[in-house]
Amino acid sequence: MRNRTLSDLDRVVALGGGHGLGRVLSALSYLGSRLTGIVTTTDNGGSTGRIRQEEGGIAWGDMRNCINQLITEPSVASAMFEYRFSGTGELAGHNLGNLMLKALDNLSVRPLEAINLIRGLLRVNAHLIPMSEQAVDLMAIDDQGNEIYGEVNVDILPKIPQKLDLYPKVPTTREAIEAIEQADLILIGPGSFFTSLMPLLLLPELAQALRRSSATTIYIGNLGKELSPAAASMTMSDKIAMMENYIGLQTIDAVIISPETQYESMKGRLIVQAQLEAKDIPYRHDRHLLGKAIELTLQQLGQRNASPQVVK
């Protein structure tokens, strides 16, 4: 990786969900088709949860959010995709983008085809892949040994769960595995730890692909305190240790965090502290600053020696 820049890389893969993954993809959107997002599909709240309950299928909310943030050419189609119904009727609170994706899913052979149709309609060049094309929920064993089902319920756990899993067992989307196998750089985060990041690592085939990958892997930390009480109680080292426990190997080469983020010594990893917060939205990553931080981290990894290093 010595002296290589992001523009030199053939394949960059980002893993996560919601606003966090959308920000990463938006920051690197200039990479075009060399950029791939693998998106969490376990959401069971809000508009997405209502559609799943009534119509079944995968969760579309995180995918829609990523597509929204990749739209660079405003159009009638993009305005429709971002529209949310108001009022008190049956459609109140529903996002039209979620309904469009679900409708195209019903008309397609597989969810990935629906995503590619929307990408073409909205002129989104980056590839977007659902972690699985089958309906699945997040499940946890809490500190008392109880089974807790659904992202919404896992998110409010007061203590770190004993175990996380997916219910039912589902296969990873084949294209997601291929993307990781071909990746030069893998980015994980930012995002809600238990509900945006961990579900991906609970897929055995995806975890295996990460174990086998020779790509540089960077974890991007959150800027604000997690809303999940359990996740908020975890240190940066705790989160990395849990991720790598489920992956089955130490794979994270570097961590990008803000100057305000507290961290402990992390043996053998590069730590980059940089100003990352957007001026318009508190606790959201600024796209330009995030892109610069990823570029800096990549360059530092190419230049560093075997000893741990902190860059501020």
Protein backbone atom coordinates (compact mmCIF):
# COMPACT_ATOMS: atom_id res chain seq x y z
CA MET A 1 0.00 0.00 0.00
CA ARG A 2 3.08 2.29 0.10
CA ASN A 3 2.46 5.71 -1.53
CA ARG A 4 -0.94 4.66 -2.88
CA THR A 5 -3.90 6.99 -2.71
CA LEU A 6 -7.61 6.24 -2.74
CA SER A 7 -7.75 7.10 -6.43
CA ASP A 8 -5.16 4.38 -7.12
CA LEU A 9 -7.29 1.61 -5.60
CA ASP A 10 -9.35 -0.68 -7.81
CA ARG A 11 -11.92 -1.71 -5.19
CA VAL A 12 -13.01 0.04 -1.98
CA VAL A 13 -15.68 -1.67 0.13
CA ALA A 14 -17.55 0.01 3.00
CA LEU A 15 -19.64 -1.94 5.53
CA GLY A 16 -22.40 -0.57 7.74
CA GLY A 17 -25.84 0.95 7.69
CA GLY A 18 -27.90 4.08 8.03
CA HIS A 19 -26.47 7.59 8.08
CA GLY A 20 -22.92 6.45 8.86
CA LEU A 21 -22.42 4.27 5.80
CA GLY A 22 -24.19 6.88 3.67
CA ARG A 23 -21.65 9.51 4.77
CA VAL A 24 -18.70 7.25 3.92
CA LEU A 25 -20.11 6.39 0.50
CA SER A 26 -20.90 10.04 -0.19
CA ALA A 27 -17.37 11.09 0.83
CA LEU A 28 -15.88 8.57 -1.63
CA SER A 29 -18.52 8.81 -4.37
CA TYR A 30 -15.91 10.16 -6.83
CA LEU A 31 -14.57 6.59 -7.00
CA GLY A 32 -17.71 5.69 -8.96
CA SER A 33 -18.13 2.00 -9.73
CA ARG A 34 -14.91 1.18 -7.83
CA LEU A 35 -16.84 1.86 -4.60
CA THR A 36 -19.16 -0.73 -3.03
CA GLY A 37 -21.37 -0.46 0.03
CA ILE A 38 -22.52 -3.62 1.83
CA VAL A 39 -25.63 -2.61 3.75
CA THR A 40 -27.21 -3.96 6.94
CA THR A 41 -30.78 -5.24 6.44
CA THR A 42 -32.04 -6.05 9.94
CA ASP A 43 -33.92 -2.82 10.76
CA ASN A 44 -37.41 -3.43 12.20
CA GLY A 45 -38.42 0.08 13.24
CA GLY A 46 -40.21 3.04 11.64
CA SER A 47 -41.44 2.92 8.05
CA THR A 48 -39.15 -0.02 7.29
CA GLY A 49 -40.52 -2.06 10.18
CA ARG A 50 -44.13 -1.40 9.14
CA ILE A 51 -43.42 -2.53 5.57
CA ARG A 52 -41.70 -5.68 6.83
CA GLN A 53 -44.58 -6.48 9.15
CA GLU A 54 -47.22 -6.04 6.45
CA GLU A 55 -45.36 -7.20 3.32
CA GLY A 56 -42.35 -9.22 4.50
CA GLY A 57 -38.95 -9.07 2.84
CA ILE A 58 -35.68 -7.41 3.80
CA ALA A 59 -35.35 -4.08 5.59
CA TRP A 60 -34.98 -1.27 3.07
CA GLY A 61 -34.40 1.77 5.31
CA ASP A 62 -30.59 1.70 5.50
CA MET A 63 -30.31 0.99 1.77
CA ARG A 64 -32.60 3.92 0.97
CA ASN A 65 -30.54 6.19 3.23
CA CYS A 66 -27.33 5.24 1.40
CA ILE A 67 -28.92 5.83 -2.00
CA ASN A 68 -30.20 9.23 -0.83
CA GLN A 69 -26.71 10.34 0.13
CA LEU A 70 -25.25 9.19 -3.20
CA ILE A 71 -27.67 11.17 -5.36
CA THR A 72 -25.66 13.93 -7.06
CA GLU A 73 -28.11 14.99 -9.77
CA PRO A 74 -31.42 16.30 -8.32
CA SER A 75 -34.44 15.31 -10.37
CA VAL A 76 -38.15 14.62 -10.04
CA ALA A 77 -37.25 10.97 -9.43
CA SER A 78 -34.83 11.85 -6.61
CA ALA A 79 -37.39 14.20 -5.01
CA MET A 80 -39.94 11.38 -5.10
CA PHE A 81 -37.44 8.91 -3.65
CA GLU A 82 -36.77 11.19 -0.67
CA TYR A 83 -40.42 12.11 -0.04
CA ARG A 84 -41.96 11.21 3.34
CA PHE A 85 -45.72 11.21 3.86
CA SER A 86 -47.16 13.37 6.63
CA GLY A 87 -50.62 13.50 8.19
CA THR A 88 -52.40 10.81 10.17
CA GLY A 89 -53.47 8.32 7.49
CA GLU A 90 -52.10 4.86 6.72
CA LEU A 91 -49.22 6.34 4.70
CA ALA A 92 -48.18 8.80 7.43
CA GLY A 93 -44.50 8.39 8.27
CA HIS A 94 -43.76 6.18 5.29
CA ASN A 95 -40.86 7.14 3.06
CA LEU A 96 -41.71 6.81 -0.62
CA GLY A 97 -38.21 5.48 -1.33
CA ASN A 98 -38.88 2.49 0.94
CA LEU A 99 -42.16 1.82 -0.88
CA MET A 100 -40.49 2.16 -4.29
CA LEU A 101 -37.77 -0.31 -3.35
CA LYS A 102 -40.34 -2.76 -1.98
CA ALA A 103 -42.49 -2.44 -5.11
CA LEU A 104 -39.50 -3.04 -7.38
CA ASP A 105 -38.48 -5.96 -5.17
CA ASN A 106 -41.90 -7.52 -5.76
CA LEU A 107 -41.47 -7.01 -9.51
CA SER A 108 -37.91 -8.35 -9.58
CA VAL A 109 -36.37 -11.78 -9.26
CA ARG A 110 -34.20 -10.65 -6.37
CA PRO A 111 -33.71 -7.54 -4.16
CA LEU A 112 -30.35 -6.71 -5.76
CA GLU A 113 -32.12 -6.23 -9.10
CA ALA A 114 -34.49 -3.72 -7.47
CA ILE A 115 -31.50 -1.81 -6.06
CA ASN A 116 -29.78 -1.72 -9.44
CA LEU A 117 -32.95 -0.42 -11.12
CA ILE A 118 -33.13 2.45 -8.61
CA ARG A 119 -29.39 3.11 -9.00
CA GLY A 120 -29.90 3.45 -12.74
CA LEU A 121 -32.94 5.70 -12.32
CA LEU A 122 -31.12 8.02 -9.90
CA ARG A 123 -27.71 7.81 -11.64
CA VAL A 124 -25.88 6.36 -8.66
CA ASN A 125 -22.59 4.82 -9.79
CA ALA A 126 -21.40 3.18 -6.56
CA HIS A 127 -22.50 -0.42 -6.10
CA LEU A 128 -24.88 -1.18 -3.22
CA ILE A 129 -25.40 -4.71 -1.96
CA PRO A 130 -27.71 -5.92 0.83
CA MET A 131 -25.91 -8.12 3.37
CA SER A 132 -28.52 -10.81 2.68
CA GLU A 133 -31.46 -11.03 0.30
CA GLN A 134 -33.56 -12.93 2.79
CA ALA A 135 -35.55 -11.44 5.67
CA VAL A 136 -33.59 -11.58 8.91
CA ASP A 137 -33.66 -10.04 12.39
CA LEU A 138 -31.02 -9.25 14.96
CA MET A 139 -31.18 -11.39 18.09
CA ALA A 140 -29.32 -11.07 21.39
CA ILE A 141 -28.90 -13.04 24.61
CA ASP A 142 -29.02 -10.37 27.31
CA ASP A 143 -27.02 -10.33 30.54
CA GLN A 144 -29.77 -12.35 32.25
CA GLY A 145 -29.80 -15.06 29.55
CA ASN A 146 -33.05 -13.92 27.89
CA GLU A 147 -33.50 -14.02 24.11
CA ILE A 148 -34.18 -10.53 22.73
CA TYR A 149 -35.44 -10.21 19.15
CA GLY A 150 -35.33 -7.23 16.80
CA GLU A 151 -33.04 -4.21 16.42
CA VAL A 152 -35.41 -1.93 18.30
CA ASN A 153 -35.31 -4.14 21.40
CA VAL A 154 -31.58 -4.86 21.20
CA ASP A 155 -30.88 -1.14 20.94
CA ILE A 156 -32.42 -0.41 24.35
CA LEU A 157 -30.58 -3.13 26.30
CA PRO A 158 -29.05 -1.55 29.42
CA LYS A 159 -26.05 -3.93 29.49
CA ILE A 160 -23.78 -5.52 26.90
CA PRO A 161 -25.42 -8.74 25.64
CA GLN A 162 -23.75 -12.09 26.21
CA LYS A 163 -24.19 -13.01 22.56
CA LEU A 164 -25.46 -11.62 19.27
CA ASP A 165 -26.91 -13.65 16.41
CA LEU A 166 -29.20 -13.48 13.40
CA TYR A 167 -32.64 -15.09 13.27
CA PRO A 168 -33.21 -17.05 11.17
CA LYS A 169 -29.87 -18.16 9.73
CA VAL A 170 -29.55 -16.64 6.25
CA PRO A 171 -26.89 -16.73 3.52
CA THR A 172 -24.75 -13.72 2.64
CA THR A 173 -25.45 -12.16 -0.74
CA ARG A 174 -22.97 -13.71 -3.19
CA GLU A 175 -21.95 -10.32 -4.60
CA ALA A 176 -21.05 -9.09 -1.10
CA ILE A 177 -18.57 -11.95 -0.68
CA GLU A 178 -17.09 -11.27 -4.10
CA ALA A 179 -16.71 -7.57 -3.30
CA ILE A 180 -14.76 -8.32 -0.10
CA GLU A 181 -12.58 -10.87 -1.93
CA GLN A 182 -11.66 -8.24 -4.54
CA ALA A 183 -11.25 -5.30 -2.11
CA ASP A 184 -8.03 -3.31 -1.73
CA LEU A 185 -9.49 -1.33 1.19
CA ILE A 186 -12.30 -2.23 3.61
CA LEU A 187 -13.99 0.41 5.78
CA ILE A 188 -16.18 -0.48 8.78
CA GLY A 189 -18.37 2.19 10.38
CA PRO A 190 -19.31 4.69 11.57
CA GLY A 191 -22.73 3.65 12.80
CA SER A 192 -24.73 2.26 15.69
CA PHE A 193 -22.50 -0.53 16.94
CA PHE A 194 -25.01 -3.27 17.72
CA THR A 195 -27.58 -2.50 15.02
CA SER A 196 -25.63 -1.11 12.04
CA LEU A 197 -22.21 -2.78 12.25
CA MET A 198 -22.47 -6.05 14.15
CA PRO A 199 -25.28 -7.66 12.05
CA LEU A 200 -22.89 -7.87 9.07
CA LEU A 201 -20.25 -9.67 11.11
CA LEU A 202 -22.80 -12.25 12.29
CA LEU A 203 -22.99 -13.72 8.78
CA PRO A 204 -20.51 -16.65 8.81
CA GLU A 205 -19.64 -16.35 5.11
CA LEU A 206 -19.01 -12.61 5.37
CA ALA A 207 -16.86 -13.06 8.49
CA GLN A 208 -14.89 -15.75 6.68
CA ALA A 209 -14.35 -13.44 3.70
CA LEU A 210 -13.00 -10.76 6.06
CA ARG A 211 -10.66 -13.31 7.67
CA ARG A 212 -9.29 -14.32 4.29
CA SER A 213 -9.00 -10.80 2.90
CA SER A 214 -5.57 -9.24 2.44
CA ALA A 215 -7.12 -5.77 2.14
CA THR A 216 -6.24 -2.94 4.51
CA THR A 217 -9.11 -2.58 7.00
CA ILE A 218 -10.00 0.69 8.74
CA TYR A 219 -12.57 1.22 11.49
CA ILE A 220 -14.22 4.67 11.63
CA GLY A 221 -15.51 5.61 15.07
CA ASN A 222 -18.66 7.55 15.91
CA LEU A 223 -18.48 11.23 16.85
CA GLY A 224 -21.17 11.28 19.54
CA LYS A 225 -22.28 9.06 22.37
CA GLU A 226 -24.29 6.04 21.27
CA LEU A 227 -28.02 6.12 21.94
CA SER A 228 -27.88 2.44 22.91
CA PRO A 229 -27.07 2.29 26.66
CA ALA A 230 -25.13 -0.96 26.21
CA ALA A 231 -23.07 0.34 23.27
CA ALA A 232 -22.45 3.65 25.05
CA SER A 233 -20.79 1.76 27.92
CA MET A 234 -18.19 0.21 25.61
CA THR A 235 -14.71 1.61 25.01
CA MET A 236 -13.13 1.76 21.56
CA SER A 237 -11.02 -1.27 22.48
CA ASP A 238 -14.14 -3.14 23.61
CA LYS A 239 -15.82 -2.57 20.25
CA ILE A 240 -12.80 -3.61 18.21
CA ALA A 241 -12.32 -6.70 20.38
CA MET A 242 -15.97 -7.73 19.90
CA MET A 243 -15.87 -7.19 16.14
CA GLU A 244 -12.69 -9.21 15.75
CA ASN A 245 -14.03 -11.93 18.04
CA TYR A 246 -16.95 -12.45 15.64
CA ILE A 247 -14.69 -12.14 12.59
CA GLY A 248 -12.30 -14.66 14.14
CA LEU A 249 -9.06 -12.80 13.47
CA GLN A 250 -7.34 -9.49 14.18
CA THR A 251 -8.10 -7.69 10.94
CA ILE A 252 -8.40 -3.98 11.75
CA ASP A 253 -5.23 -2.12 10.80
CA ALA A 254 -6.24 1.42 11.73
CA VAL A 255 -8.85 3.46 13.59
CA ILE A 256 -10.11 6.93 12.61
CA ILE A 257 -11.56 8.96 15.49
CA SER A 258 -12.15 12.60 16.42
CA PRO A 259 -9.70 14.51 18.68
CA GLU A 260 -12.31 14.40 21.47
CA THR A 261 -12.66 10.62 21.43
CA GLN A 262 -11.03 8.82 24.33
CA TYR A 263 -9.04 5.73 23.42
CA GLU A 264 -6.77 3.19 25.04
CA SER A 265 -3.52 1.82 23.70
CA MET A 266 -4.33 -0.57 20.85
CA LYS A 267 -1.33 -2.75 20.15
CA GLY A 268 -0.23 -2.91 16.53
CA ARG A 269 -2.84 -0.49 15.16
CA LEU A 270 -2.55 2.97 13.68
CA ILE A 271 -4.76 5.56 15.38
CA VAL A 272 -5.63 8.69 13.41
CA GLN A 273 -7.33 11.56 15.23
CA ALA A 274 -8.77 14.24 12.94
CA GLN A 275 -11.45 16.90 12.90
CA LEU A 276 -14.42 15.12 11.34
CA GLU A 277 -17.66 16.77 12.47
CA ALA A 278 -19.93 18.49 9.97
CA LYS A 279 -20.81 22.11 10.73
CA ASP A 280 -24.45 21.73 9.67
CA ILE A 281 -25.37 18.54 11.59
CA PRO A 282 -23.93 17.78 15.07
CA TYR A 283 -22.25 14.38 15.47
CA ARG A 284 -22.34 13.68 11.72
CA HIS A 285 -19.15 13.26 9.73
CA ASP A 286 -18.29 15.99 7.27
CA ARG A 287 -17.88 14.31 3.89
CA HIS A 288 -14.81 16.29 2.85
CA LEU A 289 -13.04 15.92 6.21
CA LEU A 290 -13.85 12.21 6.34
CA GLY A 291 -12.44 11.67 2.86
CA LYS A 292 -9.24 13.50 3.84
CA ALA A 293 -8.92 11.41 7.03
CA ILE A 294 -9.28 8.14 5.11
CA GLU A 295 -6.67 9.33 2.59
CA LEU A 296 -4.28 10.33 5.41
CA THR A 297 -4.76 6.98 7.14
CA LEU A 298 -4.03 5.08 3.95
CA GLN A 299 -0.83 7.06 3.40
CA GLN A 300 0.30 6.65 7.01
CA LEU A 301 -0.26 2.89 6.84
CA GLY A 302 1.98 2.77 3.79
CA GLN A 303 4.77 4.68 5.53
CA ARG A 304 4.68 3.34 9.09
CA ASN A 305 7.04 0.79 10.56
CA ALA A 306 6.03 -2.17 12.69
CA SER A 307 5.48 -0.11 15.86
CA PRO A 308 2.07 1.36 16.82
CA GLN A 309 1.55 4.97 15.89
CA VAL A 310 -0.82 7.82 16.72
CA VAL A 311 -1.41 10.57 14.16
CA LYS A 312 -3.16 13.78 15.15
